[in-house]
Amino acid sequence: MPSRRRWFNVGALCVALALLAGTLALANVLRYPAAPTRIEITATPITSFDNRDPTRTRFGNLEFRGGLELSSKHPAFGGISSLHVEPDGNHFIAATDRGSWLRGRIVYREDKLAGISDTEMAPILGADGRPLAARGWYDVEALAERDGILYAGMERVEQIVRFDYRRDGLRARGQPIDVPSDFQTFTYNKSLECLAAPRQGALAGRLIVVTEHSLDSAGNLRSFALGTSQVTRFSVKRSDDFDVSDCTLLSQDELLLLERRASPARGIAIRIRRIPIADIKEGAVVDGRPMIEADLAYQIDNMEGIAVHRNPAGETIVTLVSDDNFSIIQRSLLLQFSLVGE
């Protein structure tokens, strides 16, 4: 019987179909705990990124630092679609596309991923204290943090919800923020995949929004910088059939876009692009250079979350997480890379 890794790598068509199946099933099956709950996660190490050459560690501007395949018997575990890693590089919080928070601690051994501990899941709550998923607000695809406040982008309902995480933790109650009426014209299930919240620079205090596949008249990705009383509308250049699946700030001057391509014909691929924040202006079409591109010849899956932190050695660490769509033929992966060769 072939190993799971080998079977997975030749299953590009099956994976693409599973993405579709997971999307169709999502509206009918909700999985979230009733209250904050401790869960156990099993983490299986991934020691190489390139399936063809286990000794290779350098990929574009990134160096592979290790990975984990995550699993749990808890029925709410899975569907991880956004990620925030705290500045210490250890603690994280993520959101699932079925209405749960997932938080825990990353365990390292010699600066490489070794496991996950202290993990909890909880329902994402609305202003009334009830789970947002109970009212149909559950498809959290984007997460950004600024000054202890979490902002969650909820696809399908086209809302951004604010949580005082520093004060209330997993019991924080969400408050929807005002968004432009444009949001109601997004392509269904192809919208709020990227949120970033700069603290400094030209867009300090604003929220950067890039849609997954809601296109302008030129076929580029509709994007916004939202302020208290100002909305900047711009576009991100779309190329090679890639759509956006998440983003984060590399620095206060650069945005990292995590992109995904999925089709029965071409299989699954990911790409990370660097976007200069200074280029974001009203009516602009912004573009950036790729840092890495990888297909199923590498240890990837449906990568949907990206986060950045600096380790004690001063290295910039990029962390990726995948959404398994609660499918038996997909995986929840946590991958880490260090930024090199800038």
Protein backbone atom coordinates (compact mmCIF):
# COMPACT_ATOMS: atom_id res chain seq x y z
CA MET A 1 0.00 0.00 0.00
CA PRO A 2 1.53 3.39 -0.95
CA SER A 3 2.39 5.83 1.82
CA ARG A 4 0.02 8.70 2.50
CA ARG A 5 2.57 11.24 1.27
CA ARG A 6 3.09 9.42 -2.03
CA TRP A 7 -0.64 8.92 -2.54
CA PHE A 8 -1.30 12.57 -1.78
CA ASN A 9 1.30 13.88 -4.18
CA VAL A 10 -0.22 12.04 -7.14
CA GLY A 11 -3.72 13.18 -6.18
CA ALA A 12 -3.77 16.70 -7.62
CA LEU A 13 -7.12 16.17 -9.26
CA CYS A 14 -8.63 14.71 -6.11
CA VAL A 15 -7.37 17.63 -4.03
CA ALA A 16 -8.82 20.20 -6.41
CA LEU A 17 -12.17 18.42 -6.32
CA ALA A 18 -11.99 18.22 -2.54
CA LEU A 19 -11.61 22.00 -2.36
CA LEU A 20 -14.85 22.33 -4.26
CA ALA A 21 -16.58 19.68 -2.20
CA GLY A 22 -15.48 21.32 1.03
CA THR A 23 -16.88 24.64 -0.14
CA LEU A 24 -20.23 23.08 -1.01
CA ALA A 25 -20.46 21.21 2.28
CA LEU A 26 -19.49 24.16 4.44
CA ALA A 27 -22.89 25.79 4.49
CA ASN A 28 -24.56 22.60 5.71
CA VAL A 29 -22.13 21.37 8.37
CA LEU A 30 -20.93 23.65 11.17
CA ARG A 31 -18.36 22.50 13.71
CA TYR A 32 -17.51 24.68 16.67
CA PRO A 33 -17.24 23.96 20.40
CA ALA A 34 -19.92 25.32 22.72
CA ALA A 35 -17.34 26.95 25.01
CA PRO A 36 -13.55 27.26 25.32
CA THR A 37 -12.24 23.70 25.31
CA ARG A 38 -8.80 22.15 25.68
CA ILE A 39 -7.92 19.84 22.81
CA GLU A 40 -5.04 17.52 21.99
CA ILE A 41 -3.19 17.94 18.70
CA THR A 42 -0.87 15.31 17.27
CA ALA A 43 2.02 16.82 15.32
CA THR A 44 3.99 14.72 12.83
CA PRO A 45 7.29 16.33 11.74
CA ILE A 46 7.93 17.27 8.12
CA THR A 47 11.70 17.32 7.68
CA SER A 48 12.00 18.36 4.03
CA PHE A 49 9.99 20.63 1.76
CA ASP A 50 11.05 19.28 -1.65
CA ASN A 51 9.71 15.74 -2.15
CA ARG A 52 12.32 15.07 -4.84
CA ASP A 53 15.39 16.36 -2.98
CA PRO A 54 15.20 16.04 0.83
CA THR A 55 18.57 17.78 1.21
CA ARG A 56 17.41 21.01 -0.40
CA THR A 57 16.51 23.81 2.04
CA ARG A 58 16.65 27.03 -0.06
CA PHE A 59 13.58 28.05 -2.04
CA GLY A 60 13.71 31.48 -3.61
CA ASN A 61 14.08 34.01 -0.79
CA LEU A 62 13.06 31.46 1.83
CA GLU A 63 14.91 28.74 3.70
CA PHE A 64 12.84 25.82 4.99
CA ARG A 65 12.97 25.52 8.78
CA GLY A 66 10.65 22.56 9.26
CA GLY A 67 7.00 21.66 9.31
CA LEU A 68 4.30 19.72 11.09
CA GLU A 69 1.28 17.77 9.94
CA LEU A 70 -1.44 18.41 12.52
CA SER A 71 -4.36 16.20 13.48
CA SER A 72 -6.83 15.93 16.34
CA LYS A 73 -9.73 13.74 17.34
CA HIS A 74 -11.77 16.78 18.35
CA PRO A 75 -14.60 17.23 15.81
CA ALA A 76 -14.11 21.01 15.61
CA PHE A 77 -10.46 20.74 14.57
CA GLY A 78 -9.71 21.49 10.91
CA GLY A 79 -10.49 24.13 8.33
CA ILE A 80 -7.74 26.50 9.57
CA SER A 81 -8.03 29.49 7.26
CA SER A 82 -6.14 32.35 8.94
CA LEU A 83 -3.27 32.74 11.39
CA HIS A 84 -1.62 35.24 13.73
CA VAL A 85 1.69 34.39 15.46
CA GLU A 86 2.59 36.52 18.47
CA PRO A 87 5.91 38.44 18.43
CA ASP A 88 7.46 35.82 20.73
CA GLY A 89 7.10 33.27 17.90
CA ASN A 90 5.59 30.77 20.31
CA HIS A 91 1.96 31.66 20.86
CA PHE A 92 -0.55 31.77 18.04
CA ILE A 93 -4.22 32.22 17.38
CA ALA A 94 -6.01 31.04 14.27
CA ALA A 95 -9.58 31.00 12.98
CA THR A 96 -11.39 28.18 11.24
CA ASP A 97 -13.82 28.58 8.41
CA ARG A 98 -16.57 27.01 10.51
CA GLY A 99 -16.61 29.51 13.32
CA SER A 100 -13.91 28.53 15.87
CA TRP A 101 -10.87 30.11 17.42
CA LEU A 102 -7.83 27.86 17.75
CA ARG A 103 -4.95 28.98 19.91
CA GLY A 104 -1.90 27.31 21.35
CA ARG A 105 1.86 27.29 21.69
CA ILE A 106 4.41 26.25 19.09
CA VAL A 107 7.13 24.00 20.51
CA TYR A 108 10.63 24.28 19.04
CA ARG A 109 13.65 22.03 19.20
CA GLU A 110 16.90 23.59 17.99
CA ASP A 111 14.92 26.37 16.29
CA LYS A 112 12.80 23.89 14.33
CA LEU A 113 9.14 23.05 14.73
CA ALA A 114 8.69 20.12 17.11
CA GLY A 115 5.06 20.20 18.23
CA ILE A 116 1.99 22.08 19.38
CA SER A 117 0.88 22.34 23.01
CA ASP A 118 -1.59 24.16 25.29
CA THR A 119 -4.19 24.14 22.55
CA GLU A 120 -7.72 25.42 22.99
CA MET A 121 -10.69 25.91 20.72
CA ALA A 122 -13.65 28.21 21.32
CA PRO A 123 -16.63 29.56 19.40
CA ILE A 124 -16.14 32.95 17.77
CA LEU A 125 -18.68 35.12 19.57
CA GLY A 126 -20.86 37.96 18.38
CA ALA A 127 -21.78 41.12 20.25
CA ASP A 128 -24.64 39.28 21.98
CA GLY A 129 -22.35 36.56 23.33
CA ARG A 130 -23.73 33.90 21.01
CA PRO A 131 -21.54 32.07 18.44
CA LEU A 132 -21.41 34.06 15.23
CA ALA A 133 -21.71 30.81 13.30
CA ALA A 134 -25.20 30.35 14.73
CA ARG A 135 -26.32 33.36 12.71
CA GLY A 136 -24.50 32.27 9.57
CA TRP A 137 -21.35 34.36 10.14
CA TYR A 138 -18.68 31.66 10.19
CA ASP A 139 -16.44 31.67 7.12
CA VAL A 140 -13.47 33.51 8.67
CA GLU A 141 -10.82 33.73 5.96
CA ALA A 142 -8.63 36.60 7.15
CA LEU A 143 -7.16 37.69 10.47
CA ALA A 144 -5.11 40.76 11.42
CA GLU A 145 -3.87 42.07 14.77
CA ARG A 146 -3.05 45.56 15.94
CA ASP A 147 -2.49 46.65 19.54
CA GLY A 148 -4.27 43.62 20.97
CA ILE A 149 -7.30 43.97 18.69
CA LEU A 150 -8.08 41.17 16.24
CA TYR A 151 -9.88 41.92 12.98
CA ALA A 152 -11.59 38.98 11.28
CA GLY A 153 -12.70 39.05 7.65
CA MET A 154 -15.83 36.95 7.11
CA GLU A 155 -16.42 35.79 3.58
CA ARG A 156 -19.96 35.24 2.26
CA VAL A 157 -21.40 37.89 4.62
CA GLU A 158 -18.72 40.43 3.55
CA GLN A 159 -18.12 41.71 7.08
CA ILE A 160 -15.07 42.66 9.14
CA VAL A 161 -15.51 42.04 12.86
CA ARG A 162 -13.40 43.56 15.63
CA PHE A 163 -12.41 41.63 18.81
CA ASP A 164 -10.68 42.98 21.92
CA TYR A 165 -8.50 39.89 22.26
CA ARG A 166 -5.98 41.42 24.65
CA ARG A 167 -8.73 42.17 27.18
CA ASP A 168 -11.11 39.23 26.74
CA GLY A 169 -9.15 36.42 25.08
CA LEU A 170 -11.25 33.66 23.57
CA ARG A 171 -14.38 35.15 25.14
CA ALA A 172 -14.04 38.40 23.20
CA ARG A 173 -17.26 39.54 21.58
CA GLY A 174 -17.13 40.70 17.99
CA GLN A 175 -18.26 44.13 16.87
CA PRO A 176 -18.77 44.60 13.10
CA ILE A 177 -17.01 47.65 11.72
CA ASP A 178 -18.34 49.88 8.98
CA VAL A 179 -17.35 48.71 5.51
CA PRO A 180 -17.99 50.32 2.11
CA SER A 181 -21.14 49.41 0.20
CA ASP A 182 -18.76 48.07 -2.50
CA PHE A 183 -18.36 44.95 -0.37
CA GLN A 184 -21.85 43.82 -1.33
CA THR A 185 -20.72 43.60 -4.98
CA PHE A 186 -17.92 41.08 -4.34
CA THR A 187 -17.98 37.73 -6.11
CA TYR A 188 -19.69 35.22 -3.82
CA ASN A 189 -17.21 33.12 -1.82
CA LYS A 190 -14.28 34.93 -3.50
CA SER A 191 -13.87 37.97 -1.32
CA LEU A 192 -12.32 38.72 2.10
CA GLU A 193 -9.14 36.63 2.14
CA CYS A 194 -6.54 39.23 3.12
CA LEU A 195 -6.49 41.67 6.05
CA ALA A 196 -3.45 43.59 7.30
CA ALA A 197 -3.32 46.30 9.97
CA PRO A 198 -0.24 48.56 9.77
CA ARG A 199 0.77 50.39 12.96
CA GLN A 200 3.13 52.85 11.26
CA GLY A 201 3.76 54.41 7.88
CA ALA A 202 1.45 55.96 5.31
CA LEU A 203 -1.39 53.53 6.09
CA ALA A 204 -1.00 53.49 9.88
CA GLY A 205 -4.28 52.82 11.63
CA ARG A 206 -5.99 51.59 8.49
CA LEU A 207 -6.96 48.10 7.31
CA ILE A 208 -5.62 46.75 4.03
CA VAL A 209 -8.07 44.43 2.27
CA VAL A 210 -7.32 42.31 -0.81
CA THR A 211 -10.01 40.06 -2.26
CA GLU A 212 -9.49 36.48 -3.30
CA HIS A 213 -11.04 36.67 -6.77
CA SER A 214 -13.35 39.68 -6.97
CA LEU A 215 -12.05 41.33 -10.10
CA ASP A 216 -12.09 44.84 -11.50
CA SER A 217 -12.79 45.59 -15.15
CA ALA A 218 -9.17 44.81 -16.07
CA GLY A 219 -9.23 41.40 -14.37
CA ASN A 220 -7.21 42.43 -11.32
CA LEU A 221 -8.02 41.88 -7.64
CA ARG A 222 -10.20 44.54 -6.06
CA SER A 223 -8.54 45.94 -2.96
CA PHE A 224 -9.07 48.61 -0.30
CA ALA A 225 -7.37 50.57 2.45
CA LEU A 226 -10.04 51.34 5.04
CA GLY A 227 -9.80 54.26 7.44
CA THR A 228 -12.19 55.84 9.87
CA SER A 229 -13.44 58.34 7.32
CA GLN A 230 -11.49 57.44 4.19
CA VAL A 231 -11.54 54.56 1.72
CA THR A 232 -8.74 54.06 -0.80
CA ARG A 233 -9.68 51.78 -3.68
CA PHE A 234 -6.87 50.08 -5.60
CA SER A 235 -6.16 46.78 -7.35
CA VAL A 236 -3.55 44.05 -7.06
CA LYS A 237 -2.23 42.68 -10.36
CA ARG A 238 -3.49 39.14 -10.93
CA SER A 239 -1.25 36.75 -12.88
CA ASP A 240 -0.92 33.08 -13.85
CA ASP A 241 -4.36 32.16 -12.44
CA PHE A 242 -3.29 32.75 -8.83
CA ASP A 243 -5.86 34.01 -6.33
CA VAL A 244 -5.17 35.44 -2.88
CA SER A 245 -5.65 33.20 0.16
CA ASP A 246 -4.15 35.42 2.91
CA CYS A 247 -1.68 38.20 3.65
CA THR A 248 0.42 39.66 6.43
CA LEU A 249 2.87 42.48 7.00
CA LEU A 250 6.50 41.62 6.31
CA SER A 251 7.32 45.06 7.71
CA GLN A 252 5.49 48.36 7.98
CA ASP A 253 6.62 48.95 4.37
CA GLU A 254 5.79 45.63 2.71
CA LEU A 255 2.80 43.35 2.44
CA LEU A 256 3.19 39.62 1.87
CA LEU A 257 0.46 38.04 -0.27
CA LEU A 258 -0.10 34.30 0.02
CA GLU A 259 -1.63 33.08 -3.23
CA ARG A 260 -3.08 29.79 -4.37
CA ARG A 261 -3.86 28.20 -7.72
CA ALA A 262 -6.18 25.19 -7.78
CA SER A 263 -7.57 23.45 -10.83
CA PRO A 264 -8.16 19.87 -12.00
CA ALA A 265 -5.89 20.50 -14.98
CA ARG A 266 -2.93 22.18 -13.24
CA GLY A 267 -3.30 20.89 -9.69
CA ILE A 268 -2.41 22.91 -6.60
CA ALA A 269 0.29 25.57 -6.35
CA ILE A 270 1.15 28.40 -4.00
CA ARG A 271 3.05 31.65 -4.38
CA ILE A 272 4.14 34.41 -2.00
CA ARG A 273 4.52 37.94 -3.36
CA ARG A 274 5.96 41.08 -1.77
CA ILE A 275 3.88 44.23 -2.30
CA PRO A 276 5.33 47.68 -1.46
CA ILE A 277 2.80 49.46 0.74
CA ALA A 278 3.99 52.83 -0.61
CA ASP A 279 2.49 51.84 -3.98
CA ILE A 280 -1.03 51.66 -2.52
CA LYS A 281 -2.83 54.76 -3.74
CA GLU A 282 -6.28 55.56 -5.04
CA GLY A 283 -6.78 53.88 -8.43
CA ALA A 284 -3.34 52.24 -8.46
CA VAL A 285 -2.61 48.73 -9.75
CA VAL A 286 0.11 47.33 -7.49
CA ASP A 287 2.36 44.37 -8.16
CA GLY A 288 5.30 42.72 -6.49
CA ARG A 289 8.01 40.16 -6.97
CA PRO A 290 7.48 36.52 -5.96
CA MET A 291 9.50 35.13 -3.08
CA ILE A 292 8.58 31.50 -3.66
CA GLU A 293 6.36 29.36 -5.86
CA ALA A 294 5.66 25.67 -5.18
CA ASP A 295 3.36 22.95 -6.47
CA LEU A 296 2.57 19.41 -5.33
CA ALA A 297 6.18 18.37 -5.86
CA TYR A 298 6.61 20.12 -2.51
CA GLN A 299 5.03 19.67 0.91
CA ILE A 300 2.05 21.94 0.41
CA ASP A 301 -1.70 21.66 0.64
CA ASN A 302 -4.49 24.24 0.58
CA MET A 303 -2.33 26.95 2.17
CA GLU A 304 -4.62 29.62 3.62
CA GLY A 305 -2.79 31.35 6.45
CA ILE A 306 0.46 33.33 6.69
CA ALA A 307 2.15 35.07 9.63
CA VAL A 308 5.52 36.74 10.28
CA HIS A 309 7.61 37.18 13.41
CA ARG A 310 11.27 37.71 14.33
CA ASN A 311 13.07 35.09 16.39
CA PRO A 312 15.61 35.85 19.16
CA ALA A 313 18.42 35.68 16.58
CA GLY A 314 16.79 38.52 14.63
CA GLU A 315 15.73 36.32 11.74
CA THR A 316 12.42 36.96 9.97
CA ILE A 317 10.30 33.80 10.20
CA VAL A 318 7.38 33.16 7.86
CA THR A 319 4.77 30.64 9.05
CA LEU A 320 2.17 29.06 6.77
CA VAL A 321 -0.88 26.98 7.67
CA SER A 322 -3.25 24.98 5.47
CA ASP A 323 -7.01 24.46 5.48
CA ASP A 324 -7.88 20.77 5.14
CA ASN A 325 -11.58 21.49 4.47
CA PHE A 326 -12.33 18.69 6.96
CA SER A 327 -11.40 16.29 4.17
CA ILE A 328 -9.67 12.94 4.62
CA ILE A 329 -7.53 13.55 1.51
CA GLN A 330 -6.18 16.91 2.67
CA ARG A 331 -3.86 17.87 5.50
CA SER A 332 -3.50 20.57 8.14
CA LEU A 333 0.10 21.66 7.69
CA LEU A 334 2.19 24.15 9.63
CA LEU A 335 5.34 25.19 7.74
CA GLN A 336 8.10 27.63 8.67
CA PHE A 337 10.73 29.40 6.61
CA SER A 338 13.34 32.04 7.35
CA LEU A 339 13.78 35.00 5.03
CA VAL A 340 17.18 35.02 3.31
CA GLY A 341 18.87 36.80 0.44
CA GLU A 342 16.93 40.06 0.58
